[in-house]
């Protein structure tokens, strides 16, 4: 596999305002593409924010209007896009992470498995795991609170994920946990991890940003501050290969020794 460039667009979100948030997405993706990004990751619930009291009105199918518009943005800029949106399906709501290809096509969808606090009152848990095959390798998706649970990233790694993207709305006062969990999940699986957090406030929580790209050793190679910005990093598959040539965690696992 060849080197490629990822960008994280760390943005604020206007609660319940899909039109405004899609406009911002178009702007930041265009800027990231100008910086040479092959992938652009936006925060969780990028189009709505955690507008739980409005969720019954904001859910939509995948594919649907927002995915179509995201696909057009991806195609216009020739990039892969990763984010999560509020999916409405079969009278249920899901927090669904998606990856779109550079031709605007939907490559994978994964519904958030672990729901956080008030989210449990209106969103259903996902149960499936999705991997997207791209020319840059296999891409796994998990959403925000899923990063606390090592089983999610391990399942993705066992399915061959070379890089894991994590759209998030991770709030204060959990900055230390954000850094610890994202670094640990990368190290656990000797995989690159790209984590996009939002900034701003939604009236319930304040979001601290600190979006980051973490290498397979668990080291942050780039990290954002606490305001809107775009960060980029080069993903070098040789880092993973070199680490595994020394010690390969997957080969040394003893799954028969524990449940």
C-alpha atoms as a PDB file:
ATOM      1  CA  UNK A   1       0.000   0.000   0.000  1.00  0.00           C
ATOM      2  CA  UNK A   2       1.100   3.542  -0.684  1.00  0.00           C
ATOM      3  CA  UNK A   3       1.279   6.534   1.625  1.00  0.00           C
ATOM      4  CA  UNK A   4      -1.791   8.747   1.730  1.00  0.00           C
ATOM      5  CA  UNK A   5      -2.942  11.904   3.456  1.00  0.00           C
ATOM      6  CA  UNK A   6      -5.795  12.288   5.916  1.00  0.00           C
ATOM      7  CA  UNK A   7      -7.423  15.484   7.109  1.00  0.00           C
ATOM      8  CA  UNK A   8      -9.621  16.067  10.131  1.00  0.00           C
ATOM      9  CA  UNK A   9     -12.047  18.957   9.892  1.00  0.00           C
ATOM     10  CA  UNK A  10     -12.647  19.963  13.506  1.00  0.00           C
ATOM     11  CA  UNK A  11     -15.792  22.085  13.391  1.00  0.00           C
ATOM     12  CA  UNK A  12     -18.585  23.507  15.494  1.00  0.00           C
ATOM     13  CA  UNK A  13     -22.105  22.313  14.643  1.00  0.00           C
ATOM     14  CA  UNK A  14     -25.326  24.312  14.428  1.00  0.00           C
ATOM     15  CA  UNK A  15     -27.934  22.283  16.264  1.00  0.00           C
ATOM     16  CA  UNK A  16     -30.617  20.945  13.948  1.00  0.00           C
ATOM     17  CA  UNK A  17     -29.524  23.097  10.982  1.00  0.00           C
ATOM     18  CA  UNK A  18     -28.659  20.651   8.207  1.00  0.00           C
ATOM     19  CA  UNK A  19     -28.348  23.300   5.507  1.00  0.00           C
ATOM     20  CA  UNK A  20     -25.825  25.383   7.434  1.00  0.00           C
ATOM     21  CA  UNK A  21     -23.804  22.351   8.514  1.00  0.00           C
ATOM     22  CA  UNK A  22     -23.681  20.954   4.962  1.00  0.00           C
ATOM     23  CA  UNK A  23     -22.449  24.339   3.735  1.00  0.00           C
ATOM     24  CA  UNK A  24     -19.654  24.261   6.296  1.00  0.00           C
ATOM     25  CA  UNK A  25     -18.829  20.685   5.344  1.00  0.00           C
ATOM     26  CA  UNK A  26     -18.464  21.718   1.716  1.00  0.00           C
ATOM     27  CA  UNK A  27     -16.127  24.544   2.682  1.00  0.00           C
ATOM     28  CA  UNK A  28     -13.843  22.511   4.945  1.00  0.00           C
ATOM     29  CA  UNK A  29     -13.680  19.542   2.585  1.00  0.00           C
ATOM     30  CA  UNK A  30     -12.718  21.863  -0.258  1.00  0.00           C
ATOM     31  CA  UNK A  31      -9.962  23.371   1.887  1.00  0.00           C
ATOM     32  CA  UNK A  32      -8.716  19.942   2.961  1.00  0.00           C
ATOM     33  CA  UNK A  33      -8.644  18.784  -0.661  1.00  0.00           C
ATOM     34  CA  UNK A  34      -6.519  21.821  -1.552  1.00  0.00           C
ATOM     35  CA  UNK A  35      -4.082  20.622   1.118  1.00  0.00           C
ATOM     36  CA  UNK A  36      -3.823  17.279  -0.674  1.00  0.00           C
ATOM     37  CA  UNK A  37      -6.064  15.159   1.540  1.00  0.00           C
ATOM     38  CA  UNK A  38      -7.188  11.755   0.286  1.00  0.00           C
ATOM     39  CA  UNK A  39      -9.581  11.316   3.242  1.00  0.00           C
ATOM     40  CA  UNK A  40     -11.484  13.993   5.165  1.00  0.00           C
ATOM     41  CA  UNK A  41     -13.115  13.128   8.482  1.00  0.00           C
ATOM     42  CA  UNK A  42     -15.850  15.284  10.044  1.00  0.00           C
ATOM     43  CA  UNK A  43     -17.222  15.005  13.604  1.00  0.00           C
ATOM     44  CA  UNK A  44     -20.103  12.823  14.756  1.00  0.00           C
ATOM     45  CA  UNK A  45     -23.643  14.051  13.980  1.00  0.00           C
ATOM     46  CA  UNK A  46     -22.037  16.675  11.749  1.00  0.00           C
ATOM     47  CA  UNK A  47     -25.340  17.681  10.134  1.00  0.00           C
ATOM     48  CA  UNK A  48     -27.548  17.923  13.230  1.00  0.00           C
ATOM     49  CA  UNK A  49     -25.488  17.859  16.393  1.00  0.00           C
ATOM     50  CA  UNK A  50     -26.924  16.044  19.389  1.00  0.00           C
ATOM     51  CA  UNK A  51     -30.354  17.653  19.004  1.00  0.00           C
ATOM     52  CA  UNK A  52     -32.087  14.818  20.817  1.00  0.00           C
ATOM     53  CA  UNK A  53     -35.377  16.656  21.294  1.00  0.00           C
ATOM     54  CA  UNK A  54     -35.538  17.146  17.485  1.00  0.00           C
ATOM     55  CA  UNK A  55     -34.302  13.723  16.454  1.00  0.00           C
ATOM     56  CA  UNK A  56     -37.735  12.353  15.529  1.00  0.00           C
ATOM     57  CA  UNK A  57     -37.898  15.044  12.822  1.00  0.00           C
ATOM     58  CA  UNK A  58     -34.261  14.928  11.710  1.00  0.00           C
ATOM     59  CA  UNK A  59     -33.637  11.242  10.995  1.00  0.00           C
ATOM     60  CA  UNK A  60     -33.342  10.239   7.351  1.00  0.00           C
ATOM     61  CA  UNK A  61     -32.581   7.147   5.294  1.00  0.00           C
ATOM     62  CA  UNK A  62     -29.133   6.110   4.110  1.00  0.00           C
ATOM     63  CA  UNK A  63     -28.790   6.675   1.234  1.00  0.00           C
ATOM     64  CA  UNK A  64     -30.878   9.825   1.390  1.00  0.00           C
ATOM     65  CA  UNK A  65     -30.691  13.571   0.947  1.00  0.00           C
ATOM     66  CA  UNK A  66     -27.718  14.262   3.245  1.00  0.00           C
ATOM     67  CA  UNK A  67     -25.724  11.310   1.913  1.00  0.00           C
ATOM     68  CA  UNK A  68     -26.444  12.426  -1.654  1.00  0.00           C
ATOM     69  CA  UNK A  69     -25.162  15.909  -0.844  1.00  0.00           C
ATOM     70  CA  UNK A  70     -22.087  14.536   0.923  1.00  0.00           C
ATOM     71  CA  UNK A  71     -21.444  12.314  -2.081  1.00  0.00           C
ATOM     72  CA  UNK A  72     -21.558  15.331  -4.358  1.00  0.00           C
ATOM     73  CA  UNK A  73     -19.040  17.128  -2.125  1.00  0.00           C
ATOM     74  CA  UNK A  74     -16.747  14.086  -2.099  1.00  0.00           C
ATOM     75  CA  UNK A  75     -16.947  13.740  -5.881  1.00  0.00           C
ATOM     76  CA  UNK A  76     -16.390  17.441  -6.518  1.00  0.00           C
ATOM     77  CA  UNK A  77     -13.205  17.329  -4.451  1.00  0.00           C
ATOM     78  CA  UNK A  78     -12.066  13.808  -5.354  1.00  0.00           C
ATOM     79  CA  UNK A  79     -11.739  12.694  -1.728  1.00  0.00           C
ATOM     80  CA  UNK A  80     -13.031  10.017   0.611  1.00  0.00           C
ATOM     81  CA  UNK A  81     -15.283  11.430   3.333  1.00  0.00           C
ATOM     82  CA  UNK A  82     -16.030  10.026   6.786  1.00  0.00           C
ATOM     83  CA  UNK A  83     -18.603  11.262   9.305  1.00  0.00           C
ATOM     84  CA  UNK A  84     -21.752  10.162  11.124  1.00  0.00           C
ATOM     85  CA  UNK A  85     -25.365  11.210  10.633  1.00  0.00           C
ATOM     86  CA  UNK A  86     -28.728  10.496  12.202  1.00  0.00           C
ATOM     87  CA  UNK A  87     -30.240   7.600  10.261  1.00  0.00           C
ATOM     88  CA  UNK A  88     -33.953   6.852  10.282  1.00  0.00           C
ATOM     89  CA  UNK A  89     -34.773   3.273   9.307  1.00  0.00           C
ATOM     90  CA  UNK A  90     -37.736   0.975  10.014  1.00  0.00           C
ATOM     91  CA  UNK A  91     -39.219   3.299  12.643  1.00  0.00           C
ATOM     92  CA  UNK A  92     -35.914   3.475  14.510  1.00  0.00           C
ATOM     93  CA  UNK A  93     -33.102   5.996  14.743  1.00  0.00           C
ATOM     94  CA  UNK A  94     -29.410   5.140  14.520  1.00  0.00           C
ATOM     95  CA  UNK A  95     -26.170   7.064  14.779  1.00  0.00           C
ATOM     96  CA  UNK A  96     -24.547   5.846  11.580  1.00  0.00           C
ATOM     97  CA  UNK A  97     -20.943   6.375  10.566  1.00  0.00           C
ATOM     98  CA  UNK A  98     -20.394   6.407   6.817  1.00  0.00           C
ATOM     99  CA  UNK A  99     -17.514   6.452   4.388  1.00  0.00           C
ATOM    100  CA  UNK A 100     -18.005   7.864   0.904  1.00  0.00           C
ATOM    101  CA  UNK A 101     -15.623   7.279  -1.979  1.00  0.00           C
ATOM    102  CA  UNK A 102     -14.093   9.907  -4.261  1.00  0.00           C
ATOM    103  CA  UNK A 103     -16.797   9.291  -6.849  1.00  0.00           C
ATOM    104  CA  UNK A 104     -19.470  10.022  -4.269  1.00  0.00           C
ATOM    105  CA  UNK A 105     -20.413   6.395  -3.682  1.00  0.00           C
ATOM    106  CA  UNK A 106     -21.371   5.016  -0.264  1.00  0.00           C
ATOM    107  CA  UNK A 107     -18.654   2.494   0.630  1.00  0.00           C
ATOM    108  CA  UNK A 108     -19.662   1.481   4.136  1.00  0.00           C
ATOM    109  CA  UNK A 109     -22.021   2.269   6.991  1.00  0.00           C
ATOM    110  CA  UNK A 110     -21.633   1.318  10.633  1.00  0.00           C
ATOM    111  CA  UNK A 111     -24.191   2.102  13.310  1.00  0.00           C
ATOM    112  CA  UNK A 112     -22.895   3.225  16.681  1.00  0.00           C
ATOM    113  CA  UNK A 113     -22.953   0.336  19.125  1.00  0.00           C
ATOM    114  CA  UNK A 114     -22.456   2.030  22.503  1.00  0.00           C
ATOM    115  CA  UNK A 115     -24.849   4.914  23.139  1.00  0.00           C
ATOM    116  CA  UNK A 116     -23.924   7.725  25.518  1.00  0.00           C
ATOM    117  CA  UNK A 117     -26.182   9.057  28.291  1.00  0.00           C
ATOM    118  CA  UNK A 118     -29.286  10.786  26.826  1.00  0.00           C
ATOM    119  CA  UNK A 119     -28.615   9.279  23.401  1.00  0.00           C
ATOM    120  CA  UNK A 120     -29.967   5.990  24.775  1.00  0.00           C
ATOM    121  CA  UNK A 121     -33.442   7.509  25.110  1.00  0.00           C
ATOM    122  CA  UNK A 122     -34.004   8.016  21.387  1.00  0.00           C
ATOM    123  CA  UNK A 123     -31.360   6.115  19.392  1.00  0.00           C
ATOM    124  CA  UNK A 124     -31.090   2.362  18.867  1.00  0.00           C
ATOM    125  CA  UNK A 125     -27.860   0.387  19.211  1.00  0.00           C
ATOM    126  CA  UNK A 126     -26.101  -0.911  16.149  1.00  0.00           C
ATOM    127  CA  UNK A 127     -24.777  -4.439  16.023  1.00  0.00           C
ATOM    128  CA  UNK A 128     -22.933  -4.954  12.729  1.00  0.00           C
ATOM    129  CA  UNK A 129     -19.356  -4.186  11.734  1.00  0.00           C
ATOM    130  CA  UNK A 130     -18.406  -2.663   8.408  1.00  0.00           C
ATOM    131  CA  UNK A 131     -15.123  -2.485   6.530  1.00  0.00           C
ATOM    132  CA  UNK A 132     -14.594  -0.411   3.386  1.00  0.00           C
ATOM    133  CA  UNK A 133     -12.122  -1.609   0.782  1.00  0.00           C
ATOM    134  CA  UNK A 134     -10.250   1.330  -0.724  1.00  0.00           C
ATOM    135  CA  UNK A 135      -7.136   1.651  -2.844  1.00  0.00           C
ATOM    136  CA  UNK A 136      -5.381   2.791   0.339  1.00  0.00           C
ATOM    137  CA  UNK A 137      -6.335  -0.292   2.315  1.00  0.00           C
ATOM    138  CA  UNK A 138      -9.203  -1.500   4.472  1.00  0.00           C
ATOM    139  CA  UNK A 139     -10.966   1.196   6.478  1.00  0.00           C
ATOM    140  CA  UNK A 140     -12.898   0.580   9.694  1.00  0.00           C
ATOM    141  CA  UNK A 141     -15.438   2.865  11.348  1.00  0.00           C
ATOM    142  CA  UNK A 142     -16.508   3.389  14.939  1.00  0.00           C
ATOM    143  CA  UNK A 143     -18.331   6.255  16.599  1.00  0.00           C
ATOM    144  CA  UNK A 144     -17.327   8.328  19.631  1.00  0.00           C
ATOM    145  CA  UNK A 145     -18.145   6.321  22.812  1.00  0.00           C
ATOM    146  CA  UNK A 146     -17.350   3.084  20.935  1.00  0.00           C
ATOM    147  CA  UNK A 147     -13.679   4.001  21.422  1.00  0.00           C
ATOM    148  CA  UNK A 148     -13.975   3.270  25.156  1.00  0.00           C
ATOM    149  CA  UNK A 149     -14.746  -0.372  24.406  1.00  0.00           C
ATOM    150  CA  UNK A 150     -11.735  -2.301  23.052  1.00  0.00           C
ATOM    151  CA  UNK A 151     -13.949  -4.999  21.561  1.00  0.00           C
ATOM    152  CA  UNK A 152     -15.116  -2.698  18.740  1.00  0.00           C
ATOM    153  CA  UNK A 153     -11.720  -1.781  17.337  1.00  0.00           C
ATOM    154  CA  UNK A 154     -10.501  -5.359  17.869  1.00  0.00           C
ATOM    155  CA  UNK A 155     -13.397  -6.702  15.813  1.00  0.00           C
ATOM    156  CA  UNK A 156     -12.549  -4.240  13.047  1.00  0.00           C
ATOM    157  CA  UNK A 157      -8.871  -5.178  13.186  1.00  0.00           C
ATOM    158  CA  UNK A 158      -9.700  -8.887  13.005  1.00  0.00           C
ATOM    159  CA  UNK A 159     -11.678  -8.087   9.870  1.00  0.00           C
ATOM    160  CA  UNK A 160      -8.546  -6.533   8.388  1.00  0.00           C
ATOM    161  CA  UNK A 161      -8.874  -2.810   9.094  1.00  0.00           C
ATOM    162  CA  UNK A 162      -5.616  -0.981   8.371  1.00  0.00           C
ATOM    163  CA  UNK A 163      -6.950   2.359   9.601  1.00  0.00           C
ATOM    164  CA  UNK A 164      -9.895   3.222  11.852  1.00  0.00           C
ATOM    165  CA  UNK A 165     -11.823   6.489  11.695  1.00  0.00           C
ATOM    166  CA  UNK A 166     -13.678   7.813  14.744  1.00  0.00           C
ATOM    167  CA  UNK A 167     -16.165  10.680  14.271  1.00  0.00           C
ATOM    168  CA  UNK A 168     -16.974  12.018  17.745  1.00  0.00           C
ATOM    169  CA  UNK A 169     -18.809  14.514  19.930  1.00  0.00           C
ATOM    170  CA  UNK A 170     -16.593  13.996  22.995  1.00  0.00           C
ATOM    171  CA  UNK A 171     -17.337  16.548  25.737  1.00  0.00           C
ATOM    172  CA  UNK A 172     -15.749  18.085  28.799  1.00  0.00           C
ATOM    173  CA  UNK A 173     -14.667  16.968  31.342  1.00  0.00           C
ATOM    174  CA  UNK A 174     -13.372  13.874  29.512  1.00  0.00           C
ATOM    175  CA  UNK A 175     -10.369  15.229  27.597  1.00  0.00           C
ATOM    176  CA  UNK A 176      -7.900  12.870  29.265  1.00  0.00           C
ATOM    177  CA  UNK A 177     -10.109   9.866  28.489  1.00  0.00           C
ATOM    178  CA  UNK A 178     -10.305  10.941  24.833  1.00  0.00           C
ATOM    179  CA  UNK A 179      -6.548  10.957  24.470  1.00  0.00           C
ATOM    180  CA  UNK A 180      -6.118   7.721  26.408  1.00  0.00           C
ATOM    181  CA  UNK A 181      -8.847   5.791  24.596  1.00  0.00           C
ATOM    182  CA  UNK A 182      -7.840   6.821  21.070  1.00  0.00           C
ATOM    183  CA  UNK A 183      -4.169   6.061  21.722  1.00  0.00           C
ATOM    184  CA  UNK A 184      -5.006   2.732  23.356  1.00  0.00           C
ATOM    185  CA  UNK A 185      -7.250   1.563  20.511  1.00  0.00           C
ATOM    186  CA  UNK A 186      -4.500   2.314  17.981  1.00  0.00           C
ATOM    187  CA  UNK A 187      -1.884   0.469  20.038  1.00  0.00           C
ATOM    188  CA  UNK A 188      -4.203  -2.450  20.840  1.00  0.00           C
ATOM    189  CA  UNK A 189      -4.494  -3.226  17.159  1.00  0.00           C
ATOM    190  CA  UNK A 190      -1.256  -1.795  15.729  1.00  0.00           C
ATOM    191  CA  UNK A 191      -3.410   0.315  13.439  1.00  0.00           C
ATOM    192  CA  UNK A 192      -3.594   3.967  12.458  1.00  0.00           C
ATOM    193  CA  UNK A 193      -6.519   5.806  14.043  1.00  0.00           C
ATOM    194  CA  UNK A 194      -8.049   9.116  12.945  1.00  0.00           C
ATOM    195  CA  UNK A 195     -10.346  10.769  15.495  1.00  0.00           C
ATOM    196  CA  UNK A 196     -12.443  13.854  14.694  1.00  0.00           C
ATOM    197  CA  UNK A 197     -14.020  15.674  17.631  1.00  0.00           C
ATOM    198  CA  UNK A 198     -16.252  18.734  17.445  1.00  0.00           C
ATOM    199  CA  UNK A 199     -15.887  22.070  19.242  1.00  0.00           C
ATOM    200  CA  UNK A 200     -18.417  24.523  20.646  1.00  0.00           C
ATOM    201  CA  UNK A 201     -21.425  23.870  22.860  1.00  0.00           C
ATOM    202  CA  UNK A 202     -24.920  22.512  22.390  1.00  0.00           C
ATOM    203  CA  UNK A 203     -26.407  23.821  25.641  1.00  0.00           C
ATOM    204  CA  UNK A 204     -25.769  20.532  27.447  1.00  0.00           C
ATOM    205  CA  UNK A 205     -22.078  19.931  26.848  1.00  0.00           C
ATOM    206  CA  UNK A 206     -18.999  21.843  25.812  1.00  0.00           C
ATOM    207  CA  UNK A 207     -16.756  20.083  23.306  1.00  0.00           C
ATOM    208  CA  UNK A 208     -13.000  20.524  23.563  1.00  0.00           C
ATOM    209  CA  UNK A 209     -11.812  19.423  20.124  1.00  0.00           C
ATOM    210  CA  UNK A 210      -8.309  17.948  20.305  1.00  0.00           C
ATOM    211  CA  UNK A 211      -8.932  15.887  17.184  1.00  0.00           C
ATOM    212  CA  UNK A 212      -5.952  13.665  16.535  1.00  0.00           C
ATOM    213  CA  UNK A 213      -4.222  11.206  14.256  1.00  0.00           C
ATOM    214  CA  UNK A 214      -2.580   8.354  16.155  1.00  0.00           C
ATOM    215  CA  UNK A 215       0.032   5.954  14.807  1.00  0.00           C
ATOM    216  CA  UNK A 216       0.136   2.188  15.498  1.00  0.00           C
ATOM    217  CA  UNK A 217       2.392   2.747  18.526  1.00  0.00           C
ATOM    218  CA  UNK A 218      -0.333   4.854  20.161  1.00  0.00           C
ATOM    219  CA  UNK A 219       1.561   8.109  19.587  1.00  0.00           C
ATOM    220  CA  UNK A 220      -0.286  11.209  18.405  1.00  0.00           C
ATOM    221  CA  UNK A 221       1.378  12.465  15.213  1.00  0.00           C
ATOM    222  CA  UNK A 222      -0.815  15.560  15.011  1.00  0.00           C
ATOM    223  CA  UNK A 223      -3.412  17.044  17.344  1.00  0.00           C
ATOM    224  CA  UNK A 224      -5.771  19.992  17.021  1.00  0.00           C
ATOM    225  CA  UNK A 225      -6.423  22.656  19.609  1.00  0.00           C
ATOM    226  CA  UNK A 226      -9.807  23.639  21.017  1.00  0.00           C
ATOM    227  CA  UNK A 227     -11.189  25.733  18.140  1.00  0.00           C
ATOM    228  CA  UNK A 228     -12.215  25.117  14.550  1.00  0.00           C
ATOM    229  CA  UNK A 229      -9.333  23.988  12.374  1.00  0.00           C
ATOM    230  CA  UNK A 230      -8.168  21.435   9.838  1.00  0.00           C
ATOM    231  CA  UNK A 231      -5.281  19.132  10.688  1.00  0.00           C
ATOM    232  CA  UNK A 232      -3.534  16.777   8.279  1.00  0.00           C
ATOM    233  CA  UNK A 233      -1.169  13.833   8.530  1.00  0.00           C
ATOM    234  CA  UNK A 234       0.492  11.361   6.199  1.00  0.00           C
ATOM    235  CA  UNK A 235      -0.409   7.733   6.817  1.00  0.00           C
ATOM    236  CA  UNK A 236       2.578   5.495   6.105  1.00  0.00           C
ATOM    237  CA  UNK A 237       1.733   1.767   6.001  1.00  0.00           C
ATOM    238  CA  UNK A 238       5.437   0.996   6.513  1.00  0.00           C
ATOM    239  CA  UNK A 239       5.082   2.136  10.132  1.00  0.00           C
ATOM    240  CA  UNK A 240       2.598  -0.661  10.742  1.00  0.00           C
ATOM    241  CA  UNK A 241       4.677  -3.190   8.824  1.00  0.00           C
ATOM    242  CA  UNK A 242       7.851  -2.262  10.710  1.00  0.00           C
ATOM    243  CA  UNK A 243       6.136  -2.586  14.086  1.00  0.00           C
ATOM    244  CA  UNK A 244       4.625  -5.973  13.218  1.00  0.00           C
ATOM    245  CA  UNK A 245       7.973  -7.228  11.966  1.00  0.00           C
ATOM    246  CA  UNK A 246       9.248  -6.749  15.520  1.00  0.00           C
ATOM    247  CA  UNK A 247       6.197  -8.052  17.359  1.00  0.00           C
ATOM    248  CA  UNK A 248       2.784  -8.895  15.926  1.00  0.00           C
ATOM    249  CA  UNK A 249       0.032  -8.634  18.523  1.00  0.00           C
ATOM    250  CA  UNK A 250      -2.527 -10.453  16.401  1.00  0.00           C
ATOM    251  CA  UNK A 251      -0.278 -13.446  15.881  1.00  0.00           C
ATOM    252  CA  UNK A 252       0.568 -13.592  19.592  1.00  0.00           C
ATOM    253  CA  UNK A 253      -3.048 -13.459  20.769  1.00  0.00           C
ATOM    254  CA  UNK A 254      -4.303 -16.474  22.709  1.00  0.00           C
ATOM    255  CA  UNK A 255      -8.075 -16.241  22.173  1.00  0.00           C
ATOM    256  CA  UNK A 256      -8.617 -19.726  23.566  1.00  0.00           C
ATOM    257  CA  UNK A 257      -7.375 -18.585  26.968  1.00  0.00           C
ATOM    258  CA  UNK A 258     -10.191 -16.093  27.549  1.00  0.00           C
ATOM    259  CA  UNK A 259     -13.870 -15.693  26.595  1.00  0.00           C
END
